[in-house]
């Protein structure tokens, strides 16, 4: 494809800058795509030299400048080179870079945004209210009709695609937060995601919340009161959807290819099987935003930051998915 992919650099005291540069060293010359890395230019150039990647990093002065990888630093100050992990300055910069990338997407200056990892706790400790990048971007875009989808595959190319009806909640609050409208929305977004990926069957399977999908009400009633009505309503809108099904069996059949996507009721219900088969290749895709946003499915990994050992596979997969979706849209 040709076009522009933005990358917000995330927390520079984590592994985000390292996996970004390593992924770009693989992908930058794969096609005509151009990349705008939104982050601290001096930090990136020092890291590029230390890793021996020899990426040509150009200062961004406009789309007419030749090159493949550009850097935009929207903050007036350069960050110190010796920041400690979780530094408030790094946390505030990560949020500013995330905002810059999203605003450029909303102005149609970028075809997609890939977001490197941030640390939520560091951001909150730095004085900013923050639940997560998905929630931040949803609020910035003025929509609450979004969902998180995680995608990953095993070494044999078998995929799981999992959309979450709830995300970062304590388990005891999940039932209270599940509504028929929310489950319907996530089913619809998951079906649209399948079509965006070029999967014409777009068959979505929906997990129950309780063991054995509630055993007809013997182990919980959410399947009867909330999830099944959402599935029926989606079917009335001609969505190819089944459920609620017992999650322990559903994921086996999804992995076999019987379904194109799964809607899970809570975070770990969906992400444990996903990470089991695609820990390195997992990608987070925010469904329902007015722009494409993907990210690697891992955190800042402070414990290995700065050691040159970070695996860029998930960031590379996030870049490739962003390019695929942008190309399909165009």
Protein backbone atom coordinates (compact mmCIF):
# COMPACT_ATOMS: atom_id res chain seq x y z
CA UNK A 1 0.00 0.00 0.00
CA UNK A 2 0.93 3.67 -0.10
CA UNK A 3 -0.12 5.97 2.69
CA UNK A 4 0.85 7.13 6.16
CA UNK A 5 0.86 5.10 9.34
CA UNK A 6 1.36 6.95 12.61
CA UNK A 7 3.06 5.38 15.62
CA UNK A 8 2.72 6.94 19.07
CA UNK A 9 5.86 5.97 20.93
CA UNK A 10 4.31 5.20 24.31
CA UNK A 11 6.33 5.14 27.52
CA UNK A 12 9.96 5.62 26.50
CA UNK A 13 11.18 4.05 29.73
CA UNK A 14 9.62 0.78 28.54
CA UNK A 15 10.21 -1.34 25.46
CA UNK A 16 7.95 0.65 23.12
CA UNK A 17 10.75 2.56 21.36
CA UNK A 18 12.82 -0.61 20.94
CA UNK A 19 10.06 -2.74 19.42
CA UNK A 20 9.00 0.19 17.23
CA UNK A 21 12.45 0.63 15.71
CA UNK A 22 13.02 -3.11 15.33
CA UNK A 23 9.64 -3.56 13.59
CA UNK A 24 10.30 -0.62 11.29
CA UNK A 25 13.71 -2.03 10.37
CA UNK A 26 11.85 -5.07 9.00
CA UNK A 27 8.84 -3.35 7.47
CA UNK A 28 9.89 0.12 6.35
CA UNK A 29 10.94 -0.95 2.86
CA UNK A 30 8.33 -3.65 2.32
CA UNK A 31 6.11 -1.35 0.26
CA UNK A 32 5.40 2.33 -0.29
CA UNK A 33 4.01 3.02 3.17
CA UNK A 34 5.47 5.96 5.07
CA UNK A 35 5.65 6.12 8.85
CA UNK A 36 5.33 9.04 11.25
CA UNK A 37 6.73 8.17 14.68
CA UNK A 38 5.34 10.57 17.27
CA UNK A 39 7.82 10.77 20.11
CA UNK A 40 11.16 12.08 21.31
CA UNK A 41 13.56 12.38 18.36
CA UNK A 42 16.82 12.42 20.32
CA UNK A 43 15.86 9.33 22.30
CA UNK A 44 14.94 7.47 19.10
CA UNK A 45 18.17 8.39 17.34
CA UNK A 46 20.30 7.32 20.28
CA UNK A 47 18.44 4.01 20.46
CA UNK A 48 18.71 3.50 16.71
CA UNK A 49 22.49 3.85 16.98
CA UNK A 50 22.76 1.62 20.04
CA UNK A 51 20.74 -1.16 18.39
CA UNK A 52 22.76 -0.85 15.16
CA UNK A 53 19.60 -0.73 13.04
CA UNK A 54 20.79 2.07 10.75
CA UNK A 55 17.24 3.27 10.09
CA UNK A 56 17.09 6.58 8.23
CA UNK A 57 15.06 8.73 10.63
CA UNK A 58 13.96 12.03 9.13
CA UNK A 59 12.50 15.03 10.93
CA UNK A 60 8.93 15.53 9.75
CA UNK A 61 8.46 18.82 7.96
CA UNK A 62 5.60 17.82 5.67
CA UNK A 63 4.42 15.02 3.43
CA UNK A 64 6.48 16.18 0.45
CA UNK A 65 9.82 15.36 2.04
CA UNK A 66 11.40 12.15 0.69
CA UNK A 67 11.93 9.26 3.07
CA UNK A 68 10.11 6.38 4.74
CA UNK A 69 10.39 6.93 8.51
CA UNK A 70 9.83 10.37 10.02
CA UNK A 71 9.79 11.70 13.58
CA UNK A 72 7.42 14.30 14.98
CA UNK A 73 7.92 15.57 18.53
CA UNK A 74 4.97 17.83 19.46
CA UNK A 75 6.28 18.77 22.91
CA UNK A 76 8.41 21.89 23.43
CA UNK A 77 10.97 20.15 25.62
CA UNK A 78 13.34 17.26 24.96
CA UNK A 79 13.02 14.49 27.52
CA UNK A 80 16.10 13.69 29.65
CA UNK A 81 18.12 10.67 28.59
CA UNK A 82 18.26 9.14 32.06
CA UNK A 83 14.57 8.84 32.99
CA UNK A 84 13.71 6.12 35.47
CA UNK A 85 11.05 3.55 34.65
CA UNK A 86 7.56 4.92 35.13
CA UNK A 87 8.83 8.50 35.21
CA UNK A 88 6.04 11.13 35.43
CA UNK A 89 7.67 13.05 32.57
CA UNK A 90 7.64 9.93 30.38
CA UNK A 91 4.04 9.17 31.34
CA UNK A 92 2.82 12.67 30.48
CA UNK A 93 4.72 12.59 27.18
CA UNK A 94 3.16 9.25 26.27
CA UNK A 95 -0.32 10.71 26.68
CA UNK A 96 0.60 13.80 24.64
CA UNK A 97 1.97 11.62 21.82
CA UNK A 98 -1.16 9.46 21.88
CA UNK A 99 -3.35 12.53 21.64
CA UNK A 100 -1.26 13.93 18.77
CA UNK A 101 -1.57 10.72 16.79
CA UNK A 102 -5.32 10.50 17.28
CA UNK A 103 -5.87 14.13 16.34
CA UNK A 104 -3.86 13.66 13.15
CA UNK A 105 -6.03 10.65 12.30
CA UNK A 106 -9.20 12.66 12.94
CA UNK A 107 -7.86 15.32 10.56
CA UNK A 108 -7.21 12.60 7.95
CA UNK A 109 -3.48 13.26 8.02
CA UNK A 110 -2.78 9.62 8.87
CA UNK A 111 -4.40 6.46 7.53
CA UNK A 112 -4.01 4.56 10.80
CA UNK A 113 -2.46 4.84 14.25
CA UNK A 114 -0.35 2.17 15.95
CA UNK A 115 0.11 2.81 19.65
CA UNK A 116 3.13 1.55 21.57
CA UNK A 117 2.58 0.50 25.20
CA UNK A 118 1.95 2.93 28.04
CA UNK A 119 1.82 2.28 31.77
CA UNK A 120 -1.57 3.20 33.23
CA UNK A 121 -0.34 3.35 36.80
CA UNK A 122 2.49 5.73 35.86
CA UNK A 123 0.05 7.99 34.02
CA UNK A 124 -2.34 8.12 36.97
CA UNK A 125 0.55 8.79 39.36
CA UNK A 126 1.61 11.63 37.06
CA UNK A 127 -1.70 13.33 37.76
CA UNK A 128 -3.82 12.34 34.77
CA UNK A 129 -7.09 10.41 34.90
CA UNK A 130 -6.55 7.41 32.65
CA UNK A 131 -8.26 4.03 32.28
CA UNK A 132 -6.53 2.85 29.12
CA UNK A 133 -5.58 3.86 25.60
CA UNK A 134 -8.80 2.40 24.18
CA UNK A 135 -10.94 4.45 26.53
CA UNK A 136 -8.82 7.58 26.01
CA UNK A 137 -9.13 7.36 22.23
CA UNK A 138 -12.87 6.64 22.42
CA UNK A 139 -13.40 9.78 24.49
CA UNK A 140 -11.21 11.87 22.19
CA UNK A 141 -13.16 10.66 19.16
CA UNK A 142 -16.47 11.35 20.87
CA UNK A 143 -17.81 7.81 20.80
CA UNK A 144 -18.67 5.20 23.41
CA UNK A 145 -19.56 2.62 20.78
CA UNK A 146 -16.21 0.88 20.70
CA UNK A 147 -14.81 -2.52 21.58
CA UNK A 148 -11.42 -4.14 21.99
CA UNK A 149 -10.58 -7.00 19.63
CA UNK A 150 -7.47 -9.12 20.09
CA UNK A 151 -6.16 -11.15 17.17
CA UNK A 152 -3.42 -13.77 17.11
CA UNK A 153 -2.36 -16.95 15.35
CA UNK A 154 -0.29 -20.02 16.08
CA UNK A 155 2.70 -21.28 14.10
CA UNK A 156 0.33 -23.11 11.74
CA UNK A 157 -1.53 -19.93 10.79
CA UNK A 158 -4.68 -20.75 12.79
CA UNK A 159 -6.30 -17.59 14.10
CA UNK A 160 -8.35 -16.50 17.07
CA UNK A 161 -10.14 -13.16 16.92
CA UNK A 162 -11.71 -12.16 20.22
CA UNK A 163 -13.83 -9.08 20.94
CA UNK A 164 -14.52 -8.17 24.57
CA UNK A 165 -17.90 -7.14 25.94
CA UNK A 166 -16.14 -5.69 29.02
CA UNK A 167 -12.48 -4.83 29.38
CA UNK A 168 -10.58 -3.66 32.44
CA UNK A 169 -12.95 -4.44 35.29
CA UNK A 170 -12.66 -6.35 38.54
CA UNK A 171 -14.31 -9.72 38.00
CA UNK A 172 -16.96 -9.05 40.64
CA UNK A 173 -18.23 -6.06 38.61
CA UNK A 174 -18.54 -7.79 35.24
CA UNK A 175 -22.12 -8.99 35.63
CA UNK A 176 -23.33 -5.53 36.66
CA UNK A 177 -21.63 -3.93 33.66
CA UNK A 178 -23.02 -6.37 31.07
CA UNK A 179 -26.08 -5.04 29.27
CA UNK A 180 -27.99 -6.31 26.28
CA UNK A 181 -27.14 -3.13 24.37
CA UNK A 182 -23.41 -3.52 25.06
CA UNK A 183 -23.35 -7.17 23.97
CA UNK A 184 -25.33 -6.30 20.82
CA UNK A 185 -22.85 -3.55 19.98
CA UNK A 186 -19.83 -5.81 20.36
CA UNK A 187 -21.47 -8.53 18.22
CA UNK A 188 -22.13 -5.97 15.50
CA UNK A 189 -18.61 -4.56 15.68
CA UNK A 190 -17.08 -8.05 15.59
CA UNK A 191 -19.10 -8.95 12.50
CA UNK A 192 -18.02 -5.72 10.80
CA UNK A 193 -14.41 -6.44 11.76
CA UNK A 194 -14.64 -9.79 9.97
CA UNK A 195 -15.85 -8.04 6.84
CA UNK A 196 -13.08 -5.44 7.14
CA UNK A 197 -10.62 -8.33 7.23
CA UNK A 198 -12.11 -9.81 4.07
CA UNK A 199 -13.82 -12.74 5.84
CA UNK A 200 -17.14 -12.94 3.97
CA UNK A 201 -18.77 -15.52 6.25
CA UNK A 202 -18.39 -13.14 9.22
CA UNK A 203 -19.58 -15.81 11.64
CA UNK A 204 -19.50 -14.64 15.26
CA UNK A 205 -19.83 -16.94 18.31
CA UNK A 206 -20.81 -15.48 21.67
CA UNK A 207 -19.60 -16.82 25.02
CA UNK A 208 -21.81 -17.26 28.00
CA UNK A 209 -20.74 -15.59 31.22
CA UNK A 210 -21.20 -18.52 33.55
CA UNK A 211 -19.85 -22.09 33.47
CA UNK A 212 -21.68 -24.17 30.85
CA UNK A 213 -23.42 -20.97 29.70
CA UNK A 214 -25.48 -20.97 32.87
CA UNK A 215 -26.95 -24.47 32.65
CA UNK A 216 -30.41 -23.11 31.78
CA UNK A 217 -30.36 -20.72 34.72
CA UNK A 218 -29.02 -23.16 37.31
CA UNK A 219 -25.57 -21.46 37.38
CA UNK A 220 -26.60 -17.89 36.65
CA UNK A 221 -29.21 -16.06 34.62
CA UNK A 222 -27.17 -13.55 32.59
CA UNK A 223 -27.32 -15.84 29.56
CA UNK A 224 -31.12 -15.77 29.63
CA UNK A 225 -31.66 -12.13 30.59
CA UNK A 226 -28.86 -10.36 28.73
CA UNK A 227 -26.74 -12.39 26.32
CA UNK A 228 -29.35 -14.51 24.50
CA UNK A 229 -31.61 -11.48 23.85
CA UNK A 230 -28.61 -9.64 22.38
CA UNK A 231 -27.84 -12.59 20.09
CA UNK A 232 -31.48 -12.76 18.93
CA UNK A 233 -31.54 -9.04 18.24
CA UNK A 234 -28.34 -9.30 16.19
CA UNK A 235 -29.81 -12.17 14.19
CA UNK A 236 -32.83 -10.01 13.40
CA UNK A 237 -30.35 -7.58 11.79
CA UNK A 238 -29.03 -10.42 9.61
CA UNK A 239 -25.79 -10.88 11.52
CA UNK A 240 -24.39 -14.41 11.35
CA UNK A 241 -24.13 -15.08 15.10
CA UNK A 242 -24.58 -18.02 17.47
CA UNK A 243 -24.68 -18.29 21.26
CA UNK A 244 -24.47 -17.98 24.12
CA UNK A 245 -22.18 -21.00 24.18
CA UNK A 246 -20.04 -22.47 26.93
CA UNK A 247 -16.66 -20.75 26.60
CA UNK A 248 -14.58 -23.84 27.34
CA UNK A 249 -15.88 -25.62 24.22
CA UNK A 250 -16.42 -22.53 22.09
CA UNK A 251 -12.74 -21.61 21.86
CA UNK A 252 -11.83 -25.11 20.74
CA UNK A 253 -14.24 -24.82 17.81
CA UNK A 254 -13.19 -21.26 17.00
CA UNK A 255 -9.56 -22.36 16.86
CA UNK A 256 -10.59 -25.12 14.43
CA UNK A 257 -12.08 -22.44 12.18
CA UNK A 258 -15.79 -23.04 12.81
CA UNK A 259 -16.23 -19.35 13.71
CA UNK A 260 -14.48 -16.22 12.44
CA UNK A 261 -14.65 -14.27 15.70
CA UNK A 262 -15.62 -14.75 19.33
CA UNK A 263 -17.31 -12.28 21.66
CA UNK A 264 -16.07 -12.89 25.21
CA UNK A 265 -17.82 -11.46 28.24
CA UNK A 266 -14.74 -10.38 30.18
CA UNK A 267 -11.02 -9.79 29.78
CA UNK A 268 -9.44 -13.06 30.88
CA UNK A 269 -12.18 -15.24 29.39
CA UNK A 270 -11.06 -14.06 25.96
CA UNK A 271 -7.39 -13.32 26.39
CA UNK A 272 -6.21 -16.50 28.09
CA UNK A 273 -6.92 -18.67 25.00
CA UNK A 274 -5.76 -15.92 22.65
CA UNK A 275 -2.39 -15.54 24.35
CA UNK A 276 -2.05 -19.30 24.65
CA UNK A 277 -1.88 -19.63 20.85
CA UNK A 278 -0.54 -16.22 19.82
CA UNK A 279 1.43 -14.67 22.65
CA UNK A 280 4.06 -13.16 20.35
CA UNK A 281 1.78 -12.38 17.41
CA UNK A 282 -1.16 -10.87 19.33
CA UNK A 283 -2.54 -7.52 18.19
CA UNK A 284 -5.04 -5.22 19.87
CA UNK A 285 -7.50 -3.56 17.44
CA UNK A 286 -9.98 -0.94 18.65
CA UNK A 287 -13.28 -1.49 16.85
CA UNK A 288 -15.72 1.35 16.32
CA UNK A 289 -13.34 4.31 16.23
CA UNK A 290 -13.61 6.67 13.24
CA UNK A 291 -9.99 5.77 12.44
CA UNK A 292 -7.88 2.61 12.46
CA UNK A 293 -6.03 1.95 15.70
CA UNK A 294 -3.93 -1.12 16.47
CA UNK A 295 -1.31 -1.85 19.10
CA UNK A 296 0.96 -4.65 20.25
CA UNK A 297 -0.63 -6.93 22.80
CA UNK A 298 1.93 -6.43 25.57
CA UNK A 299 2.93 -3.85 28.12
CA UNK A 300 5.94 -1.69 28.82
CA UNK A 301 8.04 -4.61 30.15
CA UNK A 302 10.20 -2.40 32.36
CA UNK A 303 12.17 -5.45 33.47
CA UNK A 304 13.84 -5.83 30.06
CA UNK A 305 13.71 -2.25 28.81
CA UNK A 306 17.03 -0.92 27.56
CA UNK A 307 18.61 -4.37 27.23
CA UNK A 308 18.03 -4.88 23.50
CA UNK A 309 16.13 -8.14 24.17
CA UNK A 310 12.56 -7.08 23.39
CA UNK A 311 10.75 -9.16 20.76
CA UNK A 312 9.15 -6.90 18.10
CA UNK A 313 6.79 -9.59 16.73
CA UNK A 314 3.62 -8.10 18.20
CA UNK A 315 4.50 -4.57 17.08
CA UNK A 316 5.29 -5.88 13.61
CA UNK A 317 1.92 -7.63 13.52
CA UNK A 318 0.22 -4.41 14.64
CA UNK A 319 1.89 -2.46 11.83
CA UNK A 320 0.91 -5.06 9.26
CA UNK A 321 -2.71 -5.19 10.44
CA UNK A 322 -2.94 -1.40 10.34
CA UNK A 323 -1.63 -1.40 6.78
CA UNK A 324 -4.01 -4.20 5.74
CA UNK A 325 -7.04 -2.40 7.16
CA UNK A 326 -6.01 0.93 5.64
CA UNK A 327 -5.51 -0.70 2.27
CA UNK A 328 -8.89 -2.43 2.45
CA UNK A 329 -10.60 0.87 3.34
CA UNK A 330 -8.97 2.72 0.48
